[in-house]
Protein backbone atom coordinates (compact mmCIF):
# COMPACT_ATOMS: atom_id res chain seq x y z
CA MET A 1 4.42 10.62 4.77
CA SER A 2 4.57 6.41 5.01
CA ARG A 3 8.27 5.06 4.26
CA ILE A 4 6.75 4.44 0.71
CA GLU A 5 5.61 8.24 0.08
CA ARG A 6 9.00 9.04 1.11
CA ARG A 7 11.02 7.20 -0.77
CA PHE A 8 9.01 7.67 -3.88
CA ALA A 9 9.26 11.72 -2.94
CA ALA A 10 12.63 11.38 -3.01
CA LEU A 11 13.18 9.17 -6.46
CA LYS A 12 10.84 12.07 -7.80
CA SER A 13 12.88 14.93 -6.96
CA ALA A 14 16.46 13.68 -7.85
CA GLY A 15 14.47 12.17 -11.24
CA ARG A 16 15.59 9.00 -10.67
CA THR A 17 13.53 5.91 -11.53
CA GLY A 18 13.06 3.27 -8.16
CA LEU A 19 14.44 0.04 -8.19
CA VAL A 20 12.12 -2.93 -6.35
CA THR A 21 13.51 -6.31 -6.32
CA PHE A 22 11.62 -9.60 -4.74
CA VAL A 23 13.31 -11.97 -2.67
CA THR A 24 11.53 -14.98 -1.13
CA ALA A 25 11.83 -14.75 2.76
CA GLY A 26 14.24 -17.81 3.75
CA ASP A 27 15.56 -18.73 0.46
CA PRO A 28 18.54 -19.36 -0.02
CA SER A 29 18.83 -19.91 3.67
CA PRO A 30 16.67 -18.55 6.69
CA GLU A 31 20.35 -17.54 8.10
CA HIS A 32 20.95 -14.99 5.46
CA VAL A 33 17.68 -13.11 4.99
CA VAL A 34 18.70 -9.97 6.96
CA SER A 35 21.99 -9.82 5.65
CA LEU A 36 20.73 -10.13 1.91
CA LEU A 37 18.20 -7.63 2.83
CA HIS A 38 21.08 -5.16 3.62
CA GLY A 39 23.28 -5.96 0.60
CA LEU A 40 20.01 -5.19 -1.58
CA VAL A 41 19.92 -1.63 0.05
CA ALA A 42 24.05 -1.78 -0.58
CA SER A 43 23.30 -2.56 -4.13
CA GLY A 44 20.91 0.46 -4.72
CA VAL A 45 17.88 -1.11 -4.31
CA ASP A 46 15.06 1.59 -2.93
CA LEU A 47 12.19 -0.93 -2.13
CA ILE A 48 12.37 -4.45 -1.06
CA GLU A 49 9.22 -7.18 -1.68
CA LEU A 50 9.90 -9.64 0.41
CA GLY A 51 8.09 -12.98 -0.56
CA VAL A 52 6.05 -15.03 2.17
CA PRO A 53 6.30 -18.61 1.21
CA PHE A 54 3.43 -20.23 -0.12
CA SER A 55 2.74 -23.76 -0.99
CA ASP A 56 0.17 -23.75 -3.05
CA PRO A 57 0.92 -20.10 -5.82
CA MET A 58 -1.47 -18.92 -8.56
CA ALA A 59 0.76 -16.31 -10.45
CA ASP A 60 4.30 -17.35 -9.41
CA GLY A 61 6.34 -18.73 -12.06
CA PRO A 62 8.90 -21.97 -11.43
CA VAL A 63 11.83 -20.04 -10.09
CA ILE A 64 9.99 -18.53 -7.42
CA GLN A 65 7.69 -21.33 -6.86
CA HIS A 66 10.98 -23.56 -6.41
CA ALA A 67 12.30 -20.87 -3.77
CA SER A 68 9.07 -21.00 -1.78
CA GLU A 69 9.22 -24.91 -1.67
CA ARG A 70 12.54 -24.34 -0.56
CA ALA A 71 12.11 -21.98 2.16
CA ILE A 72 8.83 -23.68 3.30
CA ALA A 73 10.93 -27.40 3.31
CA ARG A 74 13.20 -25.48 6.13
CA GLY A 75 10.09 -24.60 8.30
CA VAL A 76 9.97 -21.09 7.30
CA GLY A 77 6.65 -18.88 8.25
CA LEU A 78 5.45 -15.91 8.97
CA ALA A 79 6.20 -15.26 12.32
CA ASN A 80 9.70 -15.90 10.80
CA VAL A 81 9.59 -13.28 7.73
CA LEU A 82 8.23 -10.68 10.61
CA ALA A 83 11.35 -11.75 13.20
CA TRP A 84 13.80 -11.26 10.21
CA ILE A 85 12.20 -7.71 8.92
CA ALA A 86 12.18 -6.76 12.90
CA ALA A 87 16.16 -7.65 12.90
CA PHE A 88 16.20 -5.73 9.30
CA ARG A 89 14.91 -2.78 10.68
CA GLU A 90 16.92 -2.31 13.94
CA THR A 91 19.59 -0.56 11.59
CA ASP A 92 17.45 0.33 8.32
CA ASN A 93 14.25 2.82 9.57
CA GLU A 94 13.96 4.23 6.29
CA THR A 95 14.05 1.58 3.37
CA PRO A 96 10.37 0.69 2.38
CA ILE A 97 9.26 -3.42 2.78
CA VAL A 98 6.50 -5.12 1.14
CA LEU A 99 5.40 -8.51 2.16
CA MET A 100 3.93 -10.05 -1.44
CA GLY A 101 2.33 -13.53 -1.25
CA TYR A 102 -1.16 -14.99 -0.18
CA LEU A 103 -4.28 -14.48 1.88
CA ASN A 104 -3.99 -18.19 3.40
CA PRO A 105 -1.00 -17.43 5.98
CA VAL A 106 -2.02 -14.29 6.65
CA GLU A 107 -5.81 -15.98 7.43
CA MET A 108 -4.38 -18.34 9.37
CA TYR A 109 -2.19 -15.84 11.46
CA GLY A 110 -5.24 -13.59 12.18
CA TYR A 111 -5.63 -10.53 10.11
CA ALA A 112 -5.92 -8.39 13.03
CA THR A 113 -3.24 -9.83 14.86
CA PHE A 114 -1.31 -9.54 11.63
CA ALA A 115 -1.91 -6.64 11.49
CA GLU A 116 -0.37 -5.23 14.63
CA ASP A 117 2.54 -7.70 14.47
CA ALA A 118 3.63 -6.88 11.13
CA VAL A 119 3.51 -2.85 11.92
CA GLU A 120 5.35 -3.46 15.03
CA ALA A 121 8.17 -5.26 12.46
CA GLY A 122 8.42 -2.68 10.37
CA VAL A 123 6.39 -3.96 7.68
CA ASP A 124 5.18 -0.61 5.35
CA GLY A 125 2.72 -2.86 2.56
CA VAL A 126 1.45 -5.79 1.75
CA LEU A 127 0.38 -7.37 -1.70
CA MET A 128 -1.80 -10.11 -1.68
CA VAL A 129 -1.66 -11.46 -5.35
CA ASP A 130 -5.26 -13.80 -4.51
CA CYS A 131 -7.16 -10.75 -2.73
CA PRO A 132 -8.88 -8.36 -5.61
CA LEU A 133 -9.81 -4.71 -5.04
CA GLU A 134 -13.54 -5.84 -4.92
CA GLU A 135 -12.56 -8.60 -2.00
CA SER A 136 -10.05 -6.39 -0.05
CA HIS A 137 -12.61 -5.24 2.69
CA VAL A 138 -11.25 -8.76 4.27
CA LEU A 139 -7.68 -6.29 4.56
CA GLN A 140 -9.31 -3.55 6.47
CA PRO A 141 -7.73 -4.23 9.21
CA LEU A 142 -4.46 -3.77 7.88
CA LYS A 143 -5.14 -0.46 5.65
CA ASP A 144 -6.67 0.88 9.36
CA ALA A 145 -3.19 -0.06 11.01
CA GLY A 146 -1.09 1.64 8.30
CA LEU A 147 -0.37 -0.85 6.35
CA ASP A 148 -0.84 -0.07 2.34
CA GLN A 149 -2.37 -2.83 0.17
CA ILE A 150 -0.39 -2.35 -2.76
CA LEU A 151 -3.28 -3.02 -6.19
CA LEU A 152 -2.24 -4.84 -9.11
CA ALA A 153 -3.12 -4.48 -12.72
CA SER A 154 -2.67 -5.59 -16.11
CA PRO A 155 -2.79 -5.44 -19.62
CA THR A 156 -6.36 -7.02 -19.66
CA THR A 157 -7.98 -4.33 -16.63
CA ALA A 158 -10.53 -3.04 -18.17
CA GLU A 159 -10.92 0.71 -17.93
CA ARG A 160 -13.19 1.24 -15.68
CA ARG A 161 -12.07 -1.36 -13.18
CA LEU A 162 -8.64 0.32 -13.82
CA GLY A 163 -10.16 4.16 -13.62
CA ARG A 164 -11.41 1.98 -9.73
CA LEU A 165 -7.67 1.13 -8.86
CA CYS A 166 -5.85 3.95 -9.79
CA GLU A 167 -8.41 5.89 -7.20
CA ALA A 168 -7.68 3.62 -4.48
CA ALA A 169 -4.20 2.77 -5.32
CA ALA A 170 -1.47 3.16 -1.85
CA GLY A 171 2.10 3.07 -1.95
CA PHE A 172 2.31 2.30 -5.52
CA LEU A 173 0.36 0.63 -8.21
CA TYR A 174 2.14 -2.61 -9.53
CA TYR A 175 1.55 -2.84 -13.31
CA VAL A 176 2.10 -6.49 -14.99
CA SER A 177 3.40 -5.77 -18.04
CA PHE A 178 2.46 -8.78 -19.89
CA ASN A 179 -0.23 -12.01 -19.20
CA GLY A 180 1.28 -14.76 -17.51
CA ILE A 181 3.74 -15.85 -14.78
CA THR A 182 6.51 -14.49 -13.07
CA GLY A 183 10.01 -15.20 -15.11
CA ALA A 184 8.38 -14.95 -18.47
CA ALA A 185 10.38 -13.71 -21.40
CA GLN A 186 7.41 -11.98 -22.93
CA LEU A 187 8.49 -8.41 -22.42
CA SER A 188 8.12 -5.71 -25.27
CA THR A 189 8.28 -2.52 -24.20
CA GLY A 190 6.47 -1.08 -27.34
CA ASP A 191 3.34 -2.45 -26.25
CA ILE A 192 3.26 -0.80 -22.42
CA ALA A 193 4.66 2.23 -22.72
CA GLU A 194 1.76 3.96 -23.92
CA ARG A 195 -0.62 2.07 -20.94
CA VAL A 196 1.74 2.93 -18.37
CA ALA A 197 1.56 6.53 -19.18
CA GLY A 198 -2.14 6.73 -19.31
CA ILE A 199 -2.33 4.64 -16.11
CA ARG A 200 0.12 7.43 -14.39
CA ALA A 201 -1.55 10.30 -15.30
CA ARG A 202 -4.54 8.55 -13.66
CA SER A 203 -3.25 7.07 -10.63
CA LYS A 204 -3.00 8.52 -7.06
CA ALA A 205 0.21 6.33 -6.62
CA PRO A 206 3.52 6.00 -8.70
CA VAL A 207 3.62 2.91 -11.00
CA ALA A 208 5.86 0.19 -10.43
CA VAL A 209 6.46 -2.01 -13.60
CA GLY A 210 6.95 -5.69 -13.41
CA PHE A 211 7.09 -9.28 -14.69
CA GLY A 212 9.86 -10.00 -17.16
CA VAL A 213 12.30 -7.56 -15.88
CA ARG A 214 15.71 -9.51 -16.69
CA ASP A 215 18.37 -7.37 -16.93
CA ALA A 216 20.31 -3.75 -17.24
CA ALA A 217 18.65 -3.44 -20.86
CA SER A 218 14.92 -4.73 -19.95
CA ALA A 219 15.08 -2.49 -16.77
CA LYS A 220 16.32 0.86 -18.48
CA ALA A 221 13.60 0.58 -21.29
CA ILE A 222 11.14 0.14 -18.37
CA GLY A 223 12.50 2.70 -16.79
CA GLU A 224 11.84 5.19 -19.71
CA PHE A 225 8.29 5.56 -18.59
CA ALA A 226 7.38 3.63 -14.85
CA ASP A 227 8.23 5.33 -11.63
CA ALA A 228 10.00 2.01 -10.82
CA VAL A 229 10.77 -0.96 -12.35
CA VAL A 230 10.72 -4.57 -10.09
CA ILE A 231 12.88 -7.25 -10.95
CA GLY A 232 12.49 -11.06 -8.91
CA SER A 233 12.64 -14.32 -10.61
CA ALA A 234 15.97 -13.36 -12.42
CA LEU A 235 17.33 -12.09 -8.81
CA VAL A 236 16.05 -15.23 -7.12
CA GLN A 237 17.97 -17.69 -9.69
CA ARG A 238 20.99 -15.92 -9.10
CA LEU A 239 20.63 -16.25 -5.50
CA ASP A 240 19.97 -20.43 -5.83
CA GLY A 241 22.27 -21.99 -4.11
CA ALA A 242 24.24 -19.17 -2.18
CA THR A 243 26.26 -20.90 0.35
CA SER A 244 26.70 -18.59 2.60
CA ALA A 245 25.66 -14.88 3.22
CA GLU A 246 28.70 -13.17 1.56
CA ASP A 247 27.90 -15.43 -1.10
CA ALA A 248 24.41 -14.32 -1.63
CA VAL A 249 25.07 -10.88 -0.94
CA GLY A 250 28.11 -11.30 -3.87
CA ARG A 251 25.56 -12.45 -6.06
CA ALA A 252 22.69 -9.44 -5.57
CA ARG A 253 25.36 -7.14 -6.05
CA GLU A 254 26.92 -8.47 -9.04
CA PHE A 255 23.78 -8.11 -10.62
CA LEU A 256 21.99 -5.20 -9.24
CA VAL A 257 24.74 -2.92 -9.37
CA PRO A 258 24.87 -2.77 -13.39
CA ILE A 259 21.07 -2.49 -13.70
CA ARG A 260 21.17 0.45 -10.99
CA ALA A 261 23.39 1.94 -13.27
CA ALA A 262 21.64 1.74 -16.14
CA LEU A 263 18.56 3.27 -14.33
CA ASP A 264 20.59 6.22 -13.54
CA ALA A 265 22.16 6.77 -16.98
CA ARG A 266 19.01 7.29 -18.27
């Protein structure tokens, strides 16, 4: 079993909802990335989505866009991201890490070379926002190397296509809770619970729900029907301006511990 499979199997066995968090690699500081990753795990995070900074995002809202801009201004690239994951793996070989971003940096790196280096560093999967299922053949070298391609579904996904996504899902299927960009405040759990229940019944992989989850209350509501909840923009916003590793980890812990507690209190 892969790290992702083991983690979701353990969560299911324990009757717990997974907590997935997104942070942008290199923000708030390149020097603090590894400490922050460990801090996320210590705060109760089950799986980490590590954002690869990119200059022209299509799904990210202003909070994550600005985080990417700050990281790029500090010279952060894909090679840095892989080096930080390798350093994290020196003391944590269990927490799954998914790289989230866009195809261009991987294409520039070279798909085969990236696949080899990512596996060596300890990456478990990739979520390429601009690579739909129909174009996923370009990621075949990554899948051949053992990396999961995390697929996206949304409220507007047609039933026929949704069936294909559920069949092809690996690692977990990411359900976008509303039509829009990350960080928007449009979450309405009543509108998506039935949809997610239907997807879970069909999907080969667990279903994680993200976009719009901002606090303990919204996480707990989503946790009633999802295998995992994903929190990104709200956490990135909390981390903005952290001046040290201790500050960043402290901010993450203060934000995430109540969310973990709310999920476990379901």
